[in-house]
mmCIF file of all heavy atoms, coordinates in Angstrom:
data_MODEL
# 
_entry.id   MODEL 
# 
loop_
_atom_site.group_PDB 
_atom_site.id 
_atom_site.type_symbol 
_atom_site.label_atom_id 
_atom_site.label_alt_id 
_atom_site.label_comp_id 
_atom_site.label_asym_id 
_atom_site.label_entity_id 
_atom_site.label_seq_id 
_atom_site.pdbx_PDB_ins_code 
_atom_site.Cartn_x 
_atom_site.Cartn_y 
_atom_site.Cartn_z 
_atom_site.occupancy 
_atom_site.B_iso_or_equiv 
_atom_site.pdbx_formal_charge 
_atom_site.auth_seq_id 
_atom_site.auth_comp_id 
_atom_site.auth_asym_id 
_atom_site.auth_atom_id 
_atom_site.pdbx_PDB_model_num 
ATOM 1   N N   . ASN A 1 1  ? 45.605 -5.986  38.095 1.00 0.00 ? 1  ASN A N   1 
ATOM 2   C CA  . ASN A 1 1  ? 46.067 -4.606  37.950 1.00 0.00 ? 1  ASN A CA  1 
ATOM 3   C C   . ASN A 1 1  ? 47.112 -4.441  36.860 1.00 0.00 ? 1  ASN A C   1 
ATOM 4   O O   . ASN A 1 1  ? 47.551 -3.325  36.577 1.00 0.00 ? 1  ASN A O   1 
ATOM 5   C CB  . ASN A 1 1  ? 46.635 -4.100  39.285 1.00 0.00 ? 1  ASN A CB  1 
ATOM 6   C CG  . ASN A 1 1  ? 45.588 -4.052  40.362 1.00 0.00 ? 1  ASN A CG  1 
ATOM 7   O OD1 . ASN A 1 1  ? 44.460 -3.643  40.108 1.00 0.00 ? 1  ASN A OD1 1 
ATOM 8   N ND2 . ASN A 1 1  ? 45.938 -4.486  41.561 1.00 0.00 ? 1  ASN A ND2 1 
ATOM 9   N N   . SER A 1 2  ? 47.551 -5.532  36.252 1.00 0.00 ? 2  SER A N   1 
ATOM 10  C CA  . SER A 1 2  ? 48.523 -5.482  35.166 1.00 0.00 ? 2  SER A CA  1 
ATOM 11  C C   . SER A 1 2  ? 48.010 -6.348  34.013 1.00 0.00 ? 2  SER A C   1 
ATOM 12  O O   . SER A 1 2  ? 48.535 -7.416  33.743 1.00 0.00 ? 2  SER A O   1 
ATOM 13  C CB  . SER A 1 2  ? 49.894 -5.983  35.632 1.00 0.00 ? 2  SER A CB  1 
ATOM 14  O OG  . SER A 1 2  ? 50.408 -5.157  36.636 1.00 0.00 ? 2  SER A OG  1 
ATOM 15  N N   . PRO A 1 3  ? 46.940 -5.930  33.355 1.00 0.00 ? 3  PRO A N   1 
ATOM 16  C CA  . PRO A 1 3  ? 46.339 -6.754  32.320 1.00 0.00 ? 3  PRO A CA  1 
ATOM 17  C C   . PRO A 1 3  ? 47.250 -6.902  31.120 1.00 0.00 ? 3  PRO A C   1 
ATOM 18  O O   . PRO A 1 3  ? 48.060 -6.034  30.819 1.00 0.00 ? 3  PRO A O   1 
ATOM 19  C CB  . PRO A 1 3  ? 45.070 -5.971  31.946 1.00 0.00 ? 3  PRO A CB  1 
ATOM 20  C CG  . PRO A 1 3  ? 45.393 -4.559  32.295 1.00 0.00 ? 3  PRO A CG  1 
ATOM 21  C CD  . PRO A 1 3  ? 46.275 -4.628  33.510 1.00 0.00 ? 3  PRO A CD  1 
ATOM 22  N N   . SER A 1 4  ? 47.101 -8.043  30.416 1.00 0.00 ? 4  SER A N   1 
ATOM 23  C CA  . SER A 1 4  ? 47.912 -8.281  29.229 1.00 0.00 ? 4  SER A CA  1 
ATOM 24  C C   . SER A 1 4  ? 47.346 -7.559  28.022 1.00 0.00 ? 4  SER A C   1 
ATOM 25  O O   . SER A 1 4  ? 48.009 -7.427  27.002 1.00 0.00 ? 4  SER A O   1 
ATOM 26  C CB  . SER A 1 4  ? 47.993 -9.782  28.943 1.00 0.00 ? 4  SER A CB  1 
ATOM 27  O OG  . SER A 1 4  ? 46.689 -10.305 28.737 1.00 0.00 ? 4  SER A OG  1 
ATOM 28  N N   . ASP A 1 5  ? 46.101 -7.094  28.118 1.00 0.00 ? 5  ASP A N   1 
ATOM 29  C CA  . ASP A 1 5  ? 45.487 -6.393  27.005 1.00 0.00 ? 5  ASP A CA  1 
ATOM 30  C C   . ASP A 1 5  ? 44.654 -5.251  27.562 1.00 0.00 ? 5  ASP A C   1 
ATOM 31  O O   . ASP A 1 5  ? 44.073 -5.351  28.637 1.00 0.00 ? 5  ASP A O   1 
ATOM 32  C CB  . ASP A 1 5  ? 44.605 -7.349  26.194 1.00 0.00 ? 5  ASP A CB  1 
ATOM 33  C CG  . ASP A 1 5  ? 44.189 -6.750  24.864 1.00 0.00 ? 5  ASP A CG  1 
ATOM 34  O OD1 . ASP A 1 5  ? 44.907 -5.847  24.380 1.00 0.00 ? 5  ASP A OD1 1 
ATOM 35  O OD2 . ASP A 1 5  ? 43.157 -7.174  24.316 1.00 0.00 ? 5  ASP A OD2 1 
ATOM 36  N N   . VAL A 1 6  ? 44.614 -4.146  26.849 1.00 0.00 ? 6  VAL A N   1 
ATOM 37  C CA  . VAL A 1 6  ? 43.882 -2.971  27.284 1.00 0.00 ? 6  VAL A CA  1 
ATOM 38  C C   . VAL A 1 6  ? 43.014 -2.499  26.133 1.00 0.00 ? 6  VAL A C   1 
ATOM 39  O O   . VAL A 1 6  ? 43.456 -2.483  24.981 1.00 0.00 ? 6  VAL A O   1 
ATOM 40  C CB  . VAL A 1 6  ? 44.850 -1.844  27.715 1.00 0.00 ? 6  VAL A CB  1 
ATOM 41  C CG1 . VAL A 1 6  ? 44.075 -0.655  28.263 1.00 0.00 ? 6  VAL A CG1 1 
ATOM 42  C CG2 . VAL A 1 6  ? 45.835 -2.353  28.751 1.00 0.00 ? 6  VAL A CG2 1 
ATOM 43  N N   . ASN A 1 7  ? 41.763 -2.116  26.436 1.00 0.00 ? 7  ASN A N   1 
ATOM 44  C CA  . ASN A 1 7  ? 40.878 -1.709  25.350 1.00 0.00 ? 7  ASN A CA  1 
ATOM 45  C C   . ASN A 1 7  ? 41.196 -0.288  24.888 1.00 0.00 ? 7  ASN A C   1 
ATOM 46  O O   . ASN A 1 7  ? 41.928 0.457   25.537 1.00 0.00 ? 7  ASN A O   1 
ATOM 47  C CB  . ASN A 1 7  ? 39.414 -1.854  25.761 1.00 0.00 ? 7  ASN A CB  1 
ATOM 48  C CG  . ASN A 1 7  ? 39.032 -0.984  26.943 1.00 0.00 ? 7  ASN A CG  1 
ATOM 49  O OD1 . ASN A 1 7  ? 39.515 0.140   27.092 1.00 0.00 ? 7  ASN A OD1 1 
ATOM 50  N ND2 . ASN A 1 7  ? 38.145 -1.500  27.796 1.00 0.00 ? 7  ASN A ND2 1 
ATOM 51  N N   . LEU A 1 8  ? 40.627 0.081   23.759 1.00 0.00 ? 8  LEU A N   1 
ATOM 52  C CA  . LEU A 1 8  ? 40.925 1.374   23.149 1.00 0.00 ? 8  LEU A CA  1 
ATOM 53  C C   . LEU A 1 8  ? 40.506 2.535   24.034 1.00 0.00 ? 8  LEU A C   1 
ATOM 54  O O   . LEU A 1 8  ? 41.195 3.560   24.104 1.00 0.00 ? 8  LEU A O   1 
ATOM 55  C CB  . LEU A 1 8  ? 40.244 1.473   21.788 1.00 0.00 ? 8  LEU A CB  1 
ATOM 56  C CG  . LEU A 1 8  ? 40.816 0.603   20.668 1.00 0.00 ? 8  LEU A CG  1 
ATOM 57  C CD1 . LEU A 1 8  ? 39.917 0.642   19.441 1.00 0.00 ? 8  LEU A CD1 1 
ATOM 58  C CD2 . LEU A 1 8  ? 42.227 1.068   20.300 1.00 0.00 ? 8  LEU A CD2 1 
ATOM 59  N N   . ALA A 1 9  ? 39.367 2.391   24.705 1.00 0.00 ? 9  ALA A N   1 
ATOM 60  C CA  . ALA A 1 9  ? 38.895 3.476   25.565 1.00 0.00 ? 9  ALA A CA  1 
ATOM 61  C C   . ALA A 1 9  ? 39.892 3.775   26.677 1.00 0.00 ? 9  ALA A C   1 
ATOM 62  O O   . ALA A 1 9  ? 40.199 4.937   26.965 1.00 0.00 ? 9  ALA A O   1 
ATOM 63  C CB  . ALA A 1 9  ? 37.526 3.118   26.142 1.00 0.00 ? 9  ALA A CB  1 
ATOM 64  N N   . SER A 1 10 ? 40.415 2.730   27.300 1.00 0.00 ? 10 SER A N   1 
ATOM 65  C CA  . SER A 1 10 ? 41.391 2.931   28.369 1.00 0.00 ? 10 SER A CA  1 
ATOM 66  C C   . SER A 1 10 ? 42.688 3.520   27.834 1.00 0.00 ? 10 SER A C   1 
ATOM 67  O O   . SER A 1 10 ? 43.308 4.374   28.469 1.00 0.00 ? 10 SER A O   1 
ATOM 68  C CB  . SER A 1 10 ? 41.677 1.598   29.073 1.00 0.00 ? 10 SER A CB  1 
ATOM 69  O OG  . SER A 1 10 ? 40.522 1.122   29.723 1.00 0.00 ? 10 SER A OG  1 
ATOM 70  N N   . LEU A 1 11 ? 43.089 3.068   26.656 1.00 0.00 ? 11 LEU A N   1 
ATOM 71  C CA  . LEU A 1 11 ? 44.307 3.600   26.050 1.00 0.00 ? 11 LEU A CA  1 
ATOM 72  C C   . LEU A 1 11 ? 44.157 5.079   25.719 1.00 0.00 ? 11 LEU A C   1 
ATOM 73  O O   . LEU A 1 11 ? 45.090 5.867   25.926 1.00 0.00 ? 11 LEU A O   1 
ATOM 74  C CB  . LEU A 1 11 ? 44.651 2.813   24.792 1.00 0.00 ? 11 LEU A CB  1 
ATOM 75  C CG  . LEU A 1 11 ? 45.239 1.421   25.009 1.00 0.00 ? 11 LEU A CG  1 
ATOM 76  C CD1 . LEU A 1 11 ? 45.243 0.638   23.704 1.00 0.00 ? 11 LEU A CD1 1 
ATOM 77  C CD2 . LEU A 1 11 ? 46.656 1.509   25.576 1.00 0.00 ? 11 LEU A CD2 1 
ATOM 78  N N   . LEU A 1 12 ? 42.984 5.480   25.236 1.00 0.00 ? 12 LEU A N   1 
ATOM 79  C CA  . LEU A 1 12 ? 42.777 6.886   24.908 1.00 0.00 ? 12 LEU A CA  1 
ATOM 80  C C   . LEU A 1 12 ? 42.800 7.743   26.172 1.00 0.00 ? 12 LEU A C   1 
ATOM 81  O O   . LEU A 1 12 ? 43.471 8.781   26.222 1.00 0.00 ? 12 LEU A O   1 
ATOM 82  C CB  . LEU A 1 12 ? 41.451 7.067   24.169 1.00 0.00 ? 12 LEU A CB  1 
ATOM 83  C CG  . LEU A 1 12 ? 41.046 8.510   23.845 1.00 0.00 ? 12 LEU A CG  1 
ATOM 84  C CD1 . LEU A 1 12 ? 42.162 9.250   23.103 1.00 0.00 ? 12 LEU A CD1 1 
ATOM 85  C CD2 . LEU A 1 12 ? 39.745 8.541   23.040 1.00 0.00 ? 12 LEU A CD2 1 
ATOM 86  N N   . SER A 1 13 ? 42.087 7.316   27.202 1.00 0.00 ? 13 SER A N   1 
ATOM 87  C CA  . SER A 1 13 ? 42.054 8.095   28.443 1.00 0.00 ? 13 SER A CA  1 
ATOM 88  C C   . SER A 1 13 ? 43.442 8.226   29.060 1.00 0.00 ? 13 SER A C   1 
ATOM 89  O O   . SER A 1 13 ? 43.853 9.311   29.474 1.00 0.00 ? 13 SER A O   1 
ATOM 90  C CB  . SER A 1 13 ? 41.100 7.437   29.445 1.00 0.00 ? 13 SER A CB  1 
ATOM 91  O OG  . SER A 1 13 ? 39.769 7.462   28.974 1.00 0.00 ? 13 SER A OG  1 
ATOM 92  N N   . SER A 1 14 ? 44.183 7.114   29.090 1.00 0.00 ? 14 SER A N   1 
ATOM 93  C CA  . SER A 1 14 ? 45.516 7.172   29.694 1.00 0.00 ? 14 SER A CA  1 
ATOM 94  C C   . SER A 1 14 ? 46.485 7.969   28.827 1.00 0.00 ? 14 SER A C   1 
ATOM 95  O O   . SER A 1 14 ? 47.379 8.640   29.340 1.00 0.00 ? 14 SER A O   1 
ATOM 96  C CB  . SER A 1 14 ? 46.047 5.758   29.937 1.00 0.00 ? 14 SER A CB  1 
ATOM 97  O OG  . SER A 1 14 ? 46.097 5.011   28.745 1.00 0.00 ? 14 SER A OG  1 
ATOM 98  N N   . SER A 1 15 ? 46.305 7.940   27.514 1.00 0.00 ? 15 SER A N   1 
ATOM 99  C CA  . SER A 1 15 ? 47.146 8.738   26.615 1.00 0.00 ? 15 SER A CA  1 
ATOM 100 C C   . SER A 1 15 ? 46.912 10.224  26.831 1.00 0.00 ? 15 SER A C   1 
ATOM 101 O O   . SER A 1 15 ? 47.856 11.026  26.866 1.00 0.00 ? 15 SER A O   1 
ATOM 102 C CB  . SER A 1 15 ? 46.866 8.372   25.162 1.00 0.00 ? 15 SER A CB  1 
ATOM 103 O OG  . SER A 1 15 ? 47.279 7.062   24.868 1.00 0.00 ? 15 SER A OG  1 
ATOM 104 N N   . GLU A 1 16 ? 45.659 10.612  26.981 1.00 0.00 ? 16 GLU A N   1 
ATOM 105 C CA  . GLU A 1 16 ? 45.359 12.020  27.212 1.00 0.00 ? 16 GLU A CA  1 
ATOM 106 C C   . GLU A 1 16 ? 45.852 12.469  28.585 1.00 0.00 ? 16 GLU A C   1 
ATOM 107 O O   . GLU A 1 16 ? 46.324 13.613  28.737 1.00 0.00 ? 16 GLU A O   1 
ATOM 108 C CB  . GLU A 1 16 ? 43.859 12.262  27.067 1.00 0.00 ? 16 GLU A CB  1 
ATOM 109 C CG  . GLU A 1 16 ? 43.371 12.102  25.633 1.00 0.00 ? 16 GLU A CG  1 
ATOM 110 C CD  . GLU A 1 16 ? 41.920 12.463  25.432 1.00 0.00 ? 16 GLU A CD  1 
ATOM 111 O OE1 . GLU A 1 16 ? 41.197 12.653  26.434 1.00 0.00 ? 16 GLU A OE1 1 
ATOM 112 O OE2 . GLU A 1 16 ? 41.495 12.565  24.265 1.00 0.00 ? 16 GLU A OE2 1 
ATOM 113 N N   . LEU A 1 17 ? 45.754 11.586  29.563 1.00 0.00 ? 17 LEU A N   1 
ATOM 114 C CA  . LEU A 1 17 ? 46.299 11.899  30.887 1.00 0.00 ? 17 LEU A CA  1 
ATOM 115 C C   . LEU A 1 17 ? 47.796 12.131  30.811 1.00 0.00 ? 17 LEU A C   1 
ATOM 116 O O   . LEU A 1 17 ? 48.324 13.106  31.369 1.00 0.00 ? 17 LEU A O   1 
ATOM 117 C CB  . LEU A 1 17 ? 45.994 10.770  31.859 1.00 0.00 ? 17 LEU A CB  1 
ATOM 118 C CG  . LEU A 1 17 ? 46.653 10.873  33.239 1.00 0.00 ? 17 LEU A CG  1 
ATOM 119 C CD1 . LEU A 1 17 ? 46.145 12.089  33.996 1.00 0.00 ? 17 LEU A CD1 1 
ATOM 120 C CD2 . LEU A 1 17 ? 46.420 9.609   34.049 1.00 0.00 ? 17 LEU A CD2 1 
ATOM 121 N N   . ALA A 1 18 ? 48.501 11.247  30.102 1.00 0.00 ? 18 ALA A N   1 
ATOM 122 C CA  . ALA A 1 18 ? 49.954 11.382  29.988 1.00 0.00 ? 18 ALA A CA  1 
ATOM 123 C C   . ALA A 1 18 ? 50.325 12.649  29.231 1.00 0.00 ? 18 ALA A C   1 
ATOM 124 O O   . ALA A 1 18 ? 51.258 13.363  29.609 1.00 0.00 ? 18 ALA A O   1 
ATOM 125 C CB  . ALA A 1 18 ? 50.542 10.152  29.300 1.00 0.00 ? 18 ALA A CB  1 
ATOM 126 N N   . ALA A 1 19 ? 49.594 12.949  28.150 1.00 0.00 ? 19 ALA A N   1 
ATOM 127 C CA  . ALA A 1 19 ? 49.866 14.170  27.383 1.00 0.00 ? 19 ALA A CA  1 
ATOM 128 C C   . ALA A 1 19 ? 49.643 15.402  28.251 1.00 0.00 ? 19 ALA A C   1 
ATOM 129 O O   . ALA A 1 19 ? 50.422 16.368  28.214 1.00 0.00 ? 19 ALA A O   1 
ATOM 130 C CB  . ALA A 1 19 ? 48.984 14.222  26.141 1.00 0.00 ? 19 ALA A CB  1 
ATOM 131 N N   . THR A 1 20 ? 48.575 15.387  29.042 1.00 0.00 ? 20 THR A N   1 
ATOM 132 C CA  . THR A 1 20 ? 48.305 16.502  29.950 1.00 0.00 ? 20 THR A CA  1 
ATOM 133 C C   . THR A 1 20 ? 49.451 16.696  30.932 1.00 0.00 ? 20 THR A C   1 
ATOM 134 O O   . THR A 1 20 ? 49.900 17.823  31.181 1.00 0.00 ? 20 THR A O   1 
ATOM 135 C CB  . THR A 1 20 ? 46.989 16.255  30.705 1.00 0.00 ? 20 THR A CB  1 
ATOM 136 O OG1 . THR A 1 20 ? 45.904 16.270  29.783 1.00 0.00 ? 20 THR A OG1 1 
ATOM 137 C CG2 . THR A 1 20 ? 46.761 17.307  31.777 1.00 0.00 ? 20 THR A CG2 1 
ATOM 138 N N   . SER A 1 21 ? 49.945 15.589  31.479 1.00 0.00 ? 21 SER A N   1 
ATOM 139 C CA  . SER A 1 21 ? 51.058 15.662  32.426 1.00 0.00 ? 21 SER A CA  1 
ATOM 140 C C   . SER A 1 21 ? 52.291 16.281  31.782 1.00 0.00 ? 21 SER A C   1 
ATOM 141 O O   . SER A 1 21 ? 52.960 17.134  32.376 1.00 0.00 ? 21 SER A O   1 
ATOM 142 C CB  . SER A 1 21 ? 51.380 14.259  32.941 1.00 0.00 ? 21 SER A CB  1 
ATOM 143 O OG  . SER A 1 21 ? 52.540 14.268  33.747 1.00 0.00 ? 21 SER A OG  1 
ATOM 144 N N   . VAL A 1 22 ? 52.587 15.879  30.558 1.00 0.00 ? 22 VAL A N   1 
ATOM 145 C CA  . VAL A 1 22 ? 53.778 16.356  29.860 1.00 0.00 ? 22 VAL A CA  1 
ATOM 146 C C   . VAL A 1 22 ? 53.653 17.834  29.503 1.00 0.00 ? 22 VAL A C   1 
ATOM 147 O O   . VAL A 1 22 ? 54.596 18.618  29.691 1.00 0.00 ? 22 VAL A O   1 
ATOM 148 C CB  . VAL A 1 22 ? 54.034 15.505  28.606 1.00 0.00 ? 22 VAL A CB  1 
ATOM 149 C CG1 . VAL A 1 22 ? 55.089 16.145  27.727 1.00 0.00 ? 22 VAL A CG1 1 
ATOM 150 C CG2 . VAL A 1 22 ? 54.441 14.091  28.990 1.00 0.00 ? 22 VAL A CG2 1 
ATOM 151 N N   . PHE A 1 23 ? 52.493 18.235  28.987 1.00 0.00 ? 23 PHE A N   1 
ATOM 152 C CA  . PHE A 1 23 ? 52.329 19.591  28.463 1.00 0.00 ? 23 PHE A CA  1 
ATOM 153 C C   . PHE A 1 23 ? 52.033 20.629  29.535 1.00 0.00 ? 23 PHE A C   1 
ATOM 154 O O   . PHE A 1 23 ? 52.195 21.828  29.281 1.00 0.00 ? 23 PHE A O   1 
ATOM 155 C CB  . PHE A 1 23 ? 51.219 19.619  27.411 1.00 0.00 ? 23 PHE A CB  1 
ATOM 156 C CG  . PHE A 1 23 ? 51.679 19.269  26.026 1.00 0.00 ? 23 PHE A CG  1 
ATOM 157 C CD1 . PHE A 1 23 ? 51.736 17.956  25.623 1.00 0.00 ? 23 PHE A CD1 1 
ATOM 158 C CD2 . PHE A 1 23 ? 52.065 20.250  25.128 1.00 0.00 ? 23 PHE A CD2 1 
ATOM 159 C CE1 . PHE A 1 23 ? 52.168 17.604  24.346 1.00 0.00 ? 23 PHE A CE1 1 
ATOM 160 C CE2 . PHE A 1 23 ? 52.501 19.924  23.855 1.00 0.00 ? 23 PHE A CE2 1 
ATOM 161 C CZ  . PHE A 1 23 ? 52.561 18.599  23.456 1.00 0.00 ? 23 PHE A CZ  1 
ATOM 162 N N   . THR A 1 24 ? 51.585 20.212  30.705 1.00 0.00 ? 24 THR A N   1 
ATOM 163 C CA  . THR A 1 24 ? 51.193 21.197  31.718 1.00 0.00 ? 24 THR A CA  1 
ATOM 164 C C   . THR A 1 24 ? 51.972 21.066  33.022 1.00 0.00 ? 24 THR A C   1 
ATOM 165 O O   . THR A 1 24 ? 51.643 21.744  33.986 1.00 0.00 ? 24 THR A O   1 
ATOM 166 C CB  . THR A 1 24 ? 49.680 21.076  32.027 1.00 0.00 ? 24 THR A CB  1 
ATOM 167 O OG1 . THR A 1 24 ? 49.422 19.826  32.696 1.00 0.00 ? 24 THR A OG1 1 
ATOM 168 C CG2 . THR A 1 24 ? 48.851 21.146  30.753 1.00 0.00 ? 24 THR A CG2 1 
# 
């Protein structure tokens, strides 16, 4: 549950989730 590396797809999804949380 705490990987040392994360792929781009996961980073994009989690980035958009975080942005949504901040902006809304």
